[in-house]
Amino acid sequence: MTIEADNERYPAGLQVEYPDRCSRLLALLGVLFYVKAILLIPHIIILILLGMVQGIVIYIGYWAVLITGRYPKGLFHFGVGVRRWRFRVDAWMNGWTDSYPPFSLS
């Protein structure tokens, strides 16, 4: 799964590659929803905390846009990183990919 910009007007994009092979064990774990949810507890805790921080960052970005007329790049990249991480966790939980999501904003 790669995320890249399609054009300069919209700087975040999504491209998901179809897997060559899927794990049958992970498909079985998908049926047993709670097993995957237990494995994702560390991600869920960190993403809840990052979501709170992201709310503060959005508020700061709101004022930055009002004052300067531009949204700061660092705040934008942080927001995109949190969403990217959340999407990787959702993709693994729903069985769209076999690779366990990394603890990373990139």
C-alpha atoms as a PDB file:
ATOM      1  CA  MET A   1       0.000   0.000   0.000  1.00  0.00           C
ATOM      2  CA  THR A   2       1.447   3.329  -1.008  1.00  0.00           C
ATOM      3  CA  ILE A   3       0.135   6.791  -0.526  1.00  0.00           C
ATOM      4  CA  GLU A   4       1.266   9.436  -2.957  1.00  0.00           C
ATOM      5  CA  ALA A   5       0.031  12.690  -4.420  1.00  0.00           C
ATOM      6  CA  ASP A   6      -1.856  12.570  -7.709  1.00  0.00           C
ATOM      7  CA  ASN A   7      -1.366  16.233  -8.480  1.00  0.00           C
ATOM      8  CA  GLU A   8      -0.318  19.441  -6.806  1.00  0.00           C
ATOM      9  CA  ARG A   9      -3.843  20.624  -6.064  1.00  0.00           C
ATOM     10  CA  TYR A  10      -4.498  17.732  -3.699  1.00  0.00           C
ATOM     11  CA  PRO A  11      -1.241  16.708  -1.981  1.00  0.00           C
ATOM     12  CA  ALA A  12      -2.442  13.392  -0.489  1.00  0.00           C
ATOM     13  CA  GLY A  13      -3.532  10.367  -2.475  1.00  0.00           C
ATOM     14  CA  LEU A  14      -4.075   6.642  -2.036  1.00  0.00           C
ATOM     15  CA  GLN A  15      -2.959   3.701  -4.106  1.00  0.00           C
ATOM     16  CA  VAL A  16      -3.528   0.127  -2.920  1.00  0.00           C
ATOM     17  CA  GLU A  17      -1.839  -2.771  -4.685  1.00  0.00           C
ATOM     18  CA  TYR A  18      -3.777  -6.011  -5.095  1.00  0.00           C
ATOM     19  CA  PRO A  19      -1.932  -8.790  -3.218  1.00  0.00           C
ATOM     20  CA  ASP A  20      -0.483 -11.747  -5.108  1.00  0.00           C
ATOM     21  CA  ARG A  21      -1.335 -14.111  -2.280  1.00  0.00           C
ATOM     22  CA  CYS A  22      -3.491 -13.889   0.845  1.00  0.00           C
ATOM     23  CA  SER A  23      -2.878 -15.623   4.163  1.00  0.00           C
ATOM     24  CA  ARG A  24      -5.521 -18.170   5.104  1.00  0.00           C
ATOM     25  CA  LEU A  25      -4.619 -17.887   8.784  1.00  0.00           C
ATOM     26  CA  LEU A  26      -5.268 -14.147   8.772  1.00  0.00           C
ATOM     27  CA  ALA A  27      -8.537 -14.757   6.944  1.00  0.00           C
ATOM     28  CA  LEU A  28      -9.527 -17.116   9.767  1.00  0.00           C
ATOM     29  CA  LEU A  29      -8.540 -14.460  12.303  1.00  0.00           C
ATOM     30  CA  GLY A  30     -10.780 -12.071  10.392  1.00  0.00           C
ATOM     31  CA  VAL A  31     -13.708 -14.353  11.125  1.00  0.00           C
ATOM     32  CA  LEU A  32     -12.661 -14.323  14.770  1.00  0.00           C
ATOM     33  CA  PHE A  33     -12.937 -10.528  14.983  1.00  0.00           C
ATOM     34  CA  TYR A  34     -11.828 -10.296  18.605  1.00  0.00           C
ATOM     35  CA  VAL A  35      -8.425 -11.896  17.991  1.00  0.00           C
ATOM     36  CA  LYS A  36      -7.407  -9.153  15.560  1.00  0.00           C
ATOM     37  CA  ALA A  37      -8.872  -6.477  17.835  1.00  0.00           C
ATOM     38  CA  ILE A  38      -6.751  -7.751  20.727  1.00  0.00           C
ATOM     39  CA  LEU A  39      -3.639  -7.673  18.539  1.00  0.00           C
ATOM     40  CA  LEU A  40      -4.399  -4.052  17.631  1.00  0.00           C
ATOM     41  CA  ILE A  41      -4.817  -2.748  21.215  1.00  0.00           C
ATOM     42  CA  PRO A  42      -1.439  -0.909  21.195  1.00  0.00           C
ATOM     43  CA  HIS A  43      -2.351   0.778  17.885  1.00  0.00           C
ATOM     44  CA  ILE A  44      -5.804   1.724  19.149  1.00  0.00           C
ATOM     45  CA  ILE A  45      -4.432   3.314  22.337  1.00  0.00           C
ATOM     46  CA  ILE A  46      -1.825   5.329  20.439  1.00  0.00           C
ATOM     47  CA  LEU A  47      -4.325   6.373  17.754  1.00  0.00           C
ATOM     48  CA  ILE A  48      -6.781   7.603  20.404  1.00  0.00           C
ATOM     49  CA  LEU A  49      -4.042   9.767  21.918  1.00  0.00           C
ATOM     50  CA  LEU A  50      -2.923  10.980  18.489  1.00  0.00           C
ATOM     51  CA  GLY A  51      -6.543  11.778  17.648  1.00  0.00           C
ATOM     52  CA  MET A  52      -6.721  14.058  20.685  1.00  0.00           C
ATOM     53  CA  VAL A  53      -3.477  15.744  19.674  1.00  0.00           C
ATOM     54  CA  GLN A  54      -4.771  16.054  16.128  1.00  0.00           C
ATOM     55  CA  GLY A  55      -7.825  17.927  17.422  1.00  0.00           C
ATOM     56  CA  ILE A  56      -5.498  20.464  19.057  1.00  0.00           C
ATOM     57  CA  VAL A  57      -3.379  20.651  15.895  1.00  0.00           C
ATOM     58  CA  ILE A  58      -6.468  21.330  13.778  1.00  0.00           C
ATOM     59  CA  TYR A  59      -7.473  24.131  16.151  1.00  0.00           C
ATOM     60  CA  ILE A  60      -3.988  25.656  15.919  1.00  0.00           C
ATOM     61  CA  GLY A  61      -4.106  25.278  12.132  1.00  0.00           C
ATOM     62  CA  TYR A  62      -7.457  27.071  12.055  1.00  0.00           C
ATOM     63  CA  TRP A  63      -5.938  30.104  13.746  1.00  0.00           C
ATOM     64  CA  ALA A  64      -2.833  29.910  11.589  1.00  0.00           C
ATOM     65  CA  VAL A  65      -5.009  30.081   8.466  1.00  0.00           C
ATOM     66  CA  LEU A  66      -6.958  33.032   9.851  1.00  0.00           C
ATOM     67  CA  ILE A  67      -3.806  34.940  10.751  1.00  0.00           C
ATOM     68  CA  THR A  68      -1.387  34.024   7.945  1.00  0.00           C
ATOM     69  CA  GLY A  69      -3.716  32.756   5.217  1.00  0.00           C
ATOM     70  CA  ARG A  70      -1.777  29.458   4.926  1.00  0.00           C
ATOM     71  CA  TYR A  71      -2.014  26.104   6.678  1.00  0.00           C
ATOM     72  CA  PRO A  72       1.418  25.145   8.135  1.00  0.00           C
ATOM     73  CA  LYS A  73       3.050  22.202   6.330  1.00  0.00           C
ATOM     74  CA  GLY A  74       4.161  20.522   9.555  1.00  0.00           C
ATOM     75  CA  LEU A  75       0.609  20.459  10.886  1.00  0.00           C
ATOM     76  CA  PHE A  76      -0.647  19.146   7.547  1.00  0.00           C
ATOM     77  CA  HIS A  77       1.910  16.334   7.452  1.00  0.00           C
ATOM     78  CA  PHE A  78       1.063  15.364  11.028  1.00  0.00           C
ATOM     79  CA  GLY A  79      -2.651  15.146  10.160  1.00  0.00           C
ATOM     80  CA  VAL A  80      -1.991  13.118   7.013  1.00  0.00           C
ATOM     81  CA  GLY A  81       0.330  10.813   8.990  1.00  0.00           C
ATOM     82  CA  VAL A  82      -2.326  10.101  11.619  1.00  0.00           C
ATOM     83  CA  ARG A  83      -4.911   9.339   8.919  1.00  0.00           C
ATOM     84  CA  ARG A  84      -2.414   7.159   7.058  1.00  0.00           C
ATOM     85  CA  TRP A  85      -1.695   5.148  10.222  1.00  0.00           C
ATOM     86  CA  ARG A  86      -5.420   4.798  10.922  1.00  0.00           C
ATOM     87  CA  PHE A  87      -6.068   3.584   7.378  1.00  0.00           C
ATOM     88  CA  ARG A  88      -3.301   0.936   7.648  1.00  0.00           C
ATOM     89  CA  VAL A  89      -4.804  -0.321  10.918  1.00  0.00           C
ATOM     90  CA  ASP A  90      -8.293  -0.428   9.363  1.00  0.00           C
ATOM     91  CA  ALA A  91      -6.960  -2.209   6.266  1.00  0.00           C
ATOM     92  CA  TRP A  92      -5.326  -4.949   8.362  1.00  0.00           C
ATOM     93  CA  MET A  93      -8.358  -5.294  10.612  1.00  0.00           C
ATOM     94  CA  ASN A  94     -10.711  -5.671   7.634  1.00  0.00           C
ATOM     95  CA  GLY A  95      -8.434  -8.161   5.873  1.00  0.00           C
ATOM     96  CA  TRP A  96      -7.457  -5.902   2.961  1.00  0.00           C
ATOM     97  CA  THR A  97      -3.774  -6.593   3.592  1.00  0.00           C
ATOM     98  CA  ASP A  98      -1.756  -9.306   5.321  1.00  0.00           C
ATOM     99  CA  SER A  99       1.034  -7.068   6.631  1.00  0.00           C
ATOM    100  CA  TYR A 100       0.660  -5.947  10.252  1.00  0.00           C
ATOM    101  CA  PRO A 101       0.613  -2.132  10.366  1.00  0.00           C
ATOM    102  CA  PRO A 102       3.812  -0.398  11.474  1.00  0.00           C
ATOM    103  CA  PHE A 103       3.927   2.104  14.330  1.00  0.00           C
ATOM    104  CA  SER A 104       4.683   5.028  12.027  1.00  0.00           C
ATOM    105  CA  LEU A 105       3.158   8.257  10.746  1.00  0.00           C
ATOM    106  CA  SER A 106       4.939   7.861   7.408  1.00  0.00           C
END
